[in-house]
Amino acid sequence: QVQLVESGGGLVQAGGSLRLSCAASGNIRNAMGWYRRAPGKQRELVAAITRGGSTNYGDSVKGRFTISRDNAKNTVYLQMNSLKPEDTAVYYCAGGGTIVTGFLYWGRGTQVTVSS
């Protein structure tokens, strides 16, 4: 069983930046991704990346967020720039699957709060 541990969340003012990290306890052969859930809303895809580096982004974060991955370290990152209050959510790391089939492994989440 692979464990995913997120870090890097916190409180930031609108327009600011944060970088999230997610470390896997073992090798993730296929895609890894970030999802988020805001209060009262459904979970949504933020970004995903294959082992080869192909990426997908949710429409609301395109051009502001960048996902990257270090396969040697079994770690995925999410650089978040130009943050908006509507980006406030719990961000979850996922791995061991695809955005189509779903992910097997999930982290516990890290809170990101953007103040206006």
N, C-alpha and C. Protein backbone atom coordinates (compact mmCIF):
# COMPACT_ATOMS: atom_id res chain seq x y z
N GLN A 1 0.84 -1.19 0.00
CA GLN A 1 0.00 0.00 0.00
C GLN A 1 0.88 1.25 0.00
N VAL A 2 0.71 2.06 -1.01
CA VAL A 2 1.50 3.29 -1.12
C VAL A 2 0.80 4.40 -0.35
N GLN A 3 1.56 5.14 0.42
CA GLN A 3 1.02 6.29 1.14
C GLN A 3 1.48 7.58 0.48
N LEU A 4 0.57 8.54 0.43
CA LEU A 4 0.86 9.85 -0.13
C LEU A 4 0.75 10.89 0.97
N VAL A 5 1.75 11.75 1.07
CA VAL A 5 1.76 12.77 2.12
C VAL A 5 1.96 14.13 1.48
N GLU A 6 0.95 14.99 1.66
CA GLU A 6 1.02 16.34 1.10
C GLU A 6 1.66 17.31 2.09
N SER A 7 2.24 18.36 1.55
CA SER A 7 2.76 19.45 2.37
C SER A 7 2.75 20.73 1.56
N GLY A 8 2.85 21.86 2.26
CA GLY A 8 2.97 23.14 1.58
C GLY A 8 1.74 24.02 1.60
N GLY A 9 0.65 23.52 2.15
CA GLY A 9 -0.54 24.35 2.23
C GLY A 9 -0.38 25.47 3.24
N GLY A 10 -1.35 26.36 3.26
CA GLY A 10 -1.30 27.46 4.21
C GLY A 10 -2.21 28.59 3.82
N LEU A 11 -1.97 29.74 4.44
CA LEU A 11 -2.76 30.95 4.21
C LEU A 11 -1.94 31.93 3.38
N VAL A 12 -2.55 32.44 2.33
CA VAL A 12 -1.86 33.39 1.45
C VAL A 12 -2.85 34.44 0.98
N GLN A 13 -2.35 35.62 0.70
CA GLN A 13 -3.22 36.67 0.17
C GLN A 13 -3.48 36.46 -1.31
N ALA A 14 -4.59 36.98 -1.77
CA ALA A 14 -4.92 36.91 -3.19
C ALA A 14 -3.77 37.50 -4.01
N GLY A 15 -3.45 36.81 -5.10
CA GLY A 15 -2.33 37.23 -5.94
C GLY A 15 -1.02 36.57 -5.58
N GLY A 16 -0.99 35.92 -4.45
CA GLY A 16 0.22 35.27 -3.99
C GLY A 16 0.42 33.88 -4.59
N SER A 17 1.45 33.21 -4.09
CA SER A 17 1.82 31.89 -4.61
C SER A 17 2.05 30.90 -3.47
N LEU A 18 1.82 29.65 -3.78
CA LEU A 18 2.14 28.55 -2.89
C LEU A 18 2.63 27.39 -3.73
N ARG A 19 3.44 26.54 -3.12
CA ARG A 19 3.89 25.32 -3.79
C ARG A 19 3.55 24.13 -2.90
N LEU A 20 2.75 23.24 -3.46
CA LEU A 20 2.40 22.01 -2.76
C LEU A 20 3.33 20.89 -3.21
N SER A 21 3.61 20.00 -2.27
CA SER A 21 4.40 18.81 -2.58
C SER A 21 3.65 17.58 -2.10
N CYS A 22 3.87 16.49 -2.78
CA CYS A 22 3.26 15.22 -2.39
C CYS A 22 4.30 14.13 -2.57
N ALA A 23 4.68 13.51 -1.48
CA ALA A 23 5.67 12.45 -1.52
C ALA A 23 5.00 11.10 -1.37
N ALA A 24 5.33 10.19 -2.28
CA ALA A 24 4.79 8.83 -2.23
C ALA A 24 5.79 7.92 -1.53
N SER A 25 5.26 6.97 -0.78
CA SER A 25 6.14 6.05 -0.04
C SER A 25 6.72 4.96 -0.93
N GLY A 26 6.19 4.85 -2.14
CA GLY A 26 6.68 3.87 -3.08
C GLY A 26 6.58 4.39 -4.49
N ASN A 27 7.00 3.58 -5.44
CA ASN A 27 7.00 3.98 -6.84
C ASN A 27 5.58 4.04 -7.39
N ILE A 28 5.28 5.14 -8.05
CA ILE A 28 3.98 5.30 -8.73
C ILE A 28 4.23 5.18 -10.22
N ARG A 29 3.76 4.12 -10.82
CA ARG A 29 4.08 3.84 -12.22
C ARG A 29 3.28 4.71 -13.19
N ASN A 30 2.09 5.08 -12.83
CA ASN A 30 1.27 5.83 -13.78
C ASN A 30 1.04 7.25 -13.29
N ALA A 31 -0.11 7.79 -13.57
CA ALA A 31 -0.31 9.21 -13.33
C ALA A 31 -0.41 9.55 -11.85
N MET A 32 -0.11 10.80 -11.56
CA MET A 32 -0.35 11.40 -10.25
C MET A 32 -1.10 12.70 -10.49
N GLY A 33 -1.82 13.13 -9.49
CA GLY A 33 -2.60 14.34 -9.70
C GLY A 33 -2.95 15.05 -8.42
N TRP A 34 -3.54 16.20 -8.60
CA TRP A 34 -4.06 17.00 -7.49
C TRP A 34 -5.53 17.26 -7.74
N TYR A 35 -6.31 17.08 -6.70
CA TYR A 35 -7.72 17.42 -6.69
C TYR A 35 -7.96 18.39 -5.54
N ARG A 36 -9.10 19.05 -5.58
CA ARG A 36 -9.45 19.92 -4.46
C ARG A 36 -10.94 19.85 -4.19
N ARG A 37 -11.27 20.16 -2.95
CA ARG A 37 -12.67 20.23 -2.56
C ARG A 37 -12.87 21.47 -1.71
N ALA A 38 -13.69 22.36 -2.23
CA ALA A 38 -14.03 23.58 -1.50
C ALA A 38 -15.30 23.32 -0.67
N PRO A 39 -15.51 24.08 0.37
CA PRO A 39 -16.71 23.89 1.20
C PRO A 39 -17.99 23.97 0.38
N GLY A 40 -18.83 22.95 0.51
CA GLY A 40 -20.10 22.95 -0.20
C GLY A 40 -20.03 22.60 -1.67
N LYS A 41 -18.84 22.22 -2.13
CA LYS A 41 -18.68 21.90 -3.55
C LYS A 41 -18.16 20.48 -3.72
N GLN A 42 -18.30 19.98 -4.93
CA GLN A 42 -17.78 18.66 -5.24
C GLN A 42 -16.28 18.71 -5.48
N ARG A 43 -15.65 17.57 -5.30
CA ARG A 43 -14.23 17.46 -5.59
C ARG A 43 -14.01 17.70 -7.08
N GLU A 44 -12.95 18.42 -7.41
CA GLU A 44 -12.65 18.68 -8.81
C GLU A 44 -11.18 18.45 -9.09
N LEU A 45 -10.91 18.09 -10.32
CA LEU A 45 -9.53 17.91 -10.76
C LEU A 45 -8.84 19.27 -10.86
N VAL A 46 -7.65 19.36 -10.29
CA VAL A 46 -6.83 20.55 -10.45
C VAL A 46 -5.83 20.32 -11.57
N ALA A 47 -5.06 19.24 -11.45
CA ALA A 47 -4.05 18.94 -12.46
C ALA A 47 -3.61 17.49 -12.30
N ALA A 48 -3.14 16.92 -13.38
CA ALA A 48 -2.61 15.56 -13.35
C ALA A 48 -1.43 15.48 -14.29
N ILE A 49 -0.54 14.53 -14.01
CA ILE A 49 0.65 14.37 -14.83
C ILE A 49 0.98 12.89 -14.93
N THR A 50 1.31 12.44 -16.13
CA THR A 50 1.71 11.06 -16.33
C THR A 50 3.18 10.89 -15.94
N ARG A 51 3.63 9.68 -15.90
CA ARG A 51 5.02 9.42 -15.58
C ARG A 51 5.93 10.03 -16.65
N GLY A 52 5.43 10.10 -17.86
CA GLY A 52 6.21 10.67 -18.96
C GLY A 52 6.16 12.18 -19.04
N GLY A 53 5.29 12.81 -18.21
CA GLY A 53 5.27 14.26 -18.18
C GLY A 53 4.10 14.92 -18.90
N SER A 54 3.19 14.15 -19.46
CA SER A 54 2.00 14.75 -20.07
C SER A 54 1.07 15.26 -18.98
N THR A 55 0.51 16.45 -19.23
CA THR A 55 -0.28 17.09 -18.17
C THR A 55 -1.70 17.40 -18.60
N ASN A 56 -2.57 17.49 -17.61
CA ASN A 56 -3.94 17.95 -17.78
C ASN A 56 -4.25 18.93 -16.66
N TYR A 57 -5.02 19.97 -16.97
CA TYR A 57 -5.38 20.96 -15.97
C TYR A 57 -6.89 21.22 -15.99
N GLY A 58 -7.42 21.51 -14.81
CA GLY A 58 -8.78 21.99 -14.74
C GLY A 58 -8.87 23.37 -15.36
N ASP A 59 -10.00 23.68 -15.95
CA ASP A 59 -10.15 24.95 -16.67
C ASP A 59 -9.90 26.16 -15.76
N SER A 60 -10.26 26.06 -14.51
CA SER A 60 -10.17 27.22 -13.62
C SER A 60 -8.74 27.55 -13.20
N VAL A 61 -7.80 26.64 -13.44
CA VAL A 61 -6.42 26.88 -13.00
C VAL A 61 -5.45 27.00 -14.16
N LYS A 62 -5.90 26.78 -15.37
CA LYS A 62 -5.01 26.86 -16.53
C LYS A 62 -4.33 28.23 -16.62
N GLY A 63 -3.04 28.19 -16.82
CA GLY A 63 -2.28 29.43 -16.93
C GLY A 63 -1.80 29.97 -15.59
N ARG A 64 -2.29 29.41 -14.49
CA ARG A 64 -1.88 29.89 -13.16
C ARG A 64 -1.15 28.81 -12.36
N PHE A 65 -1.55 27.57 -12.54
CA PHE A 65 -0.96 26.47 -11.79
C PHE A 65 -0.10 25.62 -12.73
N THR A 66 0.95 25.04 -12.16
CA THR A 66 1.82 24.15 -12.92
C THR A 66 2.11 22.90 -12.11
N ILE A 67 1.86 21.76 -12.70
CA ILE A 67 2.16 20.49 -12.04
C ILE A 67 3.47 19.96 -12.60
N SER A 68 4.25 19.36 -11.72
CA SER A 68 5.50 18.74 -12.15
C SER A 68 5.75 17.50 -11.30
N ARG A 69 6.72 16.74 -11.73
CA ARG A 69 6.92 15.45 -11.08
C ARG A 69 8.39 15.07 -11.11
N ASP A 70 8.87 14.52 -10.01
CA ASP A 70 10.22 13.98 -9.92
C ASP A 70 10.08 12.48 -9.69
N ASN A 71 10.23 11.70 -10.74
CA ASN A 71 10.02 10.25 -10.62
C ASN A 71 11.07 9.60 -9.70
N ALA A 72 12.27 10.13 -9.71
CA ALA A 72 13.32 9.55 -8.86
C ALA A 72 12.99 9.71 -7.37
N LYS A 73 12.27 10.77 -7.05
CA LYS A 73 11.90 11.03 -5.66
C LYS A 73 10.46 10.63 -5.35
N ASN A 74 9.76 10.08 -6.35
CA ASN A 74 8.35 9.70 -6.17
C ASN A 74 7.54 10.86 -5.61
N THR A 75 7.77 12.04 -6.16
CA THR A 75 7.16 13.25 -5.65
C THR A 75 6.51 14.05 -6.78
N VAL A 76 5.35 14.61 -6.49
CA VAL A 76 4.67 15.48 -7.44
C VAL A 76 4.48 16.85 -6.77
N TYR A 77 4.57 17.89 -7.58
CA TYR A 77 4.48 19.25 -7.08
C TYR A 77 3.35 20.00 -7.77
N LEU A 78 2.85 21.00 -7.10
CA LEU A 78 1.86 21.89 -7.70
C LEU A 78 2.25 23.32 -7.35
N GLN A 79 2.74 24.04 -8.35
CA GLN A 79 3.07 25.45 -8.18
C GLN A 79 1.81 26.26 -8.49
N MET A 80 1.38 27.02 -7.52
CA MET A 80 0.14 27.79 -7.66
C MET A 80 0.47 29.27 -7.60
N ASN A 81 0.23 29.96 -8.70
CA ASN A 81 0.48 31.40 -8.79
C ASN A 81 -0.83 32.16 -9.00
N SER A 82 -0.77 33.45 -8.77
CA SER A 82 -1.94 34.31 -8.96
C SER A 82 -3.17 33.73 -8.27
N LEU A 83 -2.99 33.35 -7.03
CA LEU A 83 -4.07 32.69 -6.30
C LEU A 83 -5.25 33.62 -6.07
N LYS A 84 -6.43 33.04 -6.11
CA LYS A 84 -7.68 33.76 -5.92
C LYS A 84 -8.43 33.19 -4.71
N PRO A 85 -9.29 33.97 -4.11
CA PRO A 85 -10.07 33.43 -2.97
C PRO A 85 -10.83 32.16 -3.33
N GLU A 86 -11.27 32.05 -4.57
CA GLU A 86 -12.00 30.85 -4.99
C GLU A 86 -11.12 29.61 -5.11
N ASP A 87 -9.81 29.77 -4.95
CA ASP A 87 -8.91 28.61 -4.91
C ASP A 87 -8.87 27.98 -3.52
N THR A 88 -9.50 28.62 -2.55
CA THR A 88 -9.54 28.09 -1.20
C THR A 88 -10.21 26.73 -1.18
N ALA A 89 -9.51 25.74 -0.65
CA ALA A 89 -10.01 24.37 -0.65
C ALA A 89 -9.02 23.48 0.09
N VAL A 90 -9.44 22.25 0.32
CA VAL A 90 -8.50 21.21 0.73
C VAL A 90 -7.99 20.55 -0.54
N TYR A 91 -6.69 20.50 -0.67
CA TYR A 91 -6.06 19.93 -1.86
C TYR A 91 -5.56 18.52 -1.54
N TYR A 92 -5.94 17.58 -2.39
CA TYR A 92 -5.60 16.18 -2.20
C TYR A 92 -4.68 15.70 -3.31
N CYS A 93 -3.68 14.95 -2.93
CA CYS A 93 -2.80 14.30 -3.88
C CYS A 93 -3.36 12.92 -4.19
N ALA A 94 -3.22 12.50 -5.43
CA ALA A 94 -3.70 11.19 -5.86
C ALA A 94 -2.65 10.53 -6.74
N GLY A 95 -2.64 9.20 -6.72
CA GLY A 95 -1.69 8.48 -7.55
C GLY A 95 -2.14 7.07 -7.82
N GLY A 96 -1.47 6.42 -8.76
CA GLY A 96 -1.78 5.04 -9.05
C GLY A 96 -3.03 4.87 -9.88
N GLY A 97 -3.15 5.64 -10.95
CA GLY A 97 -4.31 5.53 -11.83
C GLY A 97 -4.25 6.58 -12.91
N THR A 98 -5.40 6.96 -13.40
CA THR A 98 -5.49 8.04 -14.39
C THR A 98 -6.73 8.86 -14.08
N ILE A 99 -6.85 10.00 -14.73
CA ILE A 99 -8.03 10.85 -14.51
C ILE A 99 -9.27 10.20 -15.12
N VAL A 100 -9.08 9.23 -16.00
CA VAL A 100 -10.23 8.54 -16.62
C VAL A 100 -10.69 7.38 -15.75
N THR A 101 -9.74 6.57 -15.28
CA THR A 101 -10.10 5.37 -14.52
C THR A 101 -10.19 5.62 -13.02
N GLY A 102 -9.67 6.76 -12.59
CA GLY A 102 -9.64 7.02 -11.17
C GLY A 102 -8.32 6.62 -10.55
N PHE A 103 -8.10 7.09 -9.32
CA PHE A 103 -6.83 6.86 -8.64
C PHE A 103 -7.01 5.93 -7.45
N LEU A 104 -5.98 5.10 -7.25
CA LEU A 104 -6.02 4.11 -6.18
C LEU A 104 -5.59 4.70 -4.85
N TYR A 105 -4.61 5.59 -4.88
CA TYR A 105 -4.03 6.10 -3.65
C TYR A 105 -4.37 7.58 -3.48
N TRP A 106 -4.67 7.95 -2.22
CA TRP A 106 -5.03 9.33 -1.91
C TRP A 106 -4.32 9.78 -0.65
N GLY A 107 -3.92 11.05 -0.65
CA GLY A 107 -3.39 11.65 0.55
C GLY A 107 -4.52 12.16 1.43
N ARG A 108 -4.16 12.65 2.62
CA ARG A 108 -5.16 13.14 3.56
C ARG A 108 -5.58 14.57 3.27
N GLY A 109 -4.84 15.26 2.47
CA GLY A 109 -5.21 16.62 2.09
C GLY A 109 -4.44 17.68 2.85
N THR A 110 -4.31 18.83 2.21
CA THR A 110 -3.69 19.99 2.84
C THR A 110 -4.54 21.22 2.54
N GLN A 111 -4.76 22.03 3.56
CA GLN A 111 -5.64 23.18 3.41
C GLN A 111 -4.91 24.35 2.75
N VAL A 112 -5.55 24.93 1.75
CA VAL A 112 -5.07 26.16 1.13
C VAL A 112 -6.16 27.21 1.31
N THR A 113 -5.80 28.32 1.92
CA THR A 113 -6.75 29.40 2.14
C THR A 113 -6.20 30.67 1.53
N VAL A 114 -6.99 31.28 0.65
CA VAL A 114 -6.58 32.51 -0.02
C VAL A 114 -7.48 33.63 0.47
N SER A 115 -6.88 34.62 1.10
CA SER A 115 -7.65 35.74 1.63
C SER A 115 -7.73 36.86 0.60
N SER A 116 -8.84 37.58 0.65
CA SER A 116 -9.04 38.67 -0.32
C SER A 116 -8.49 39.99 0.21
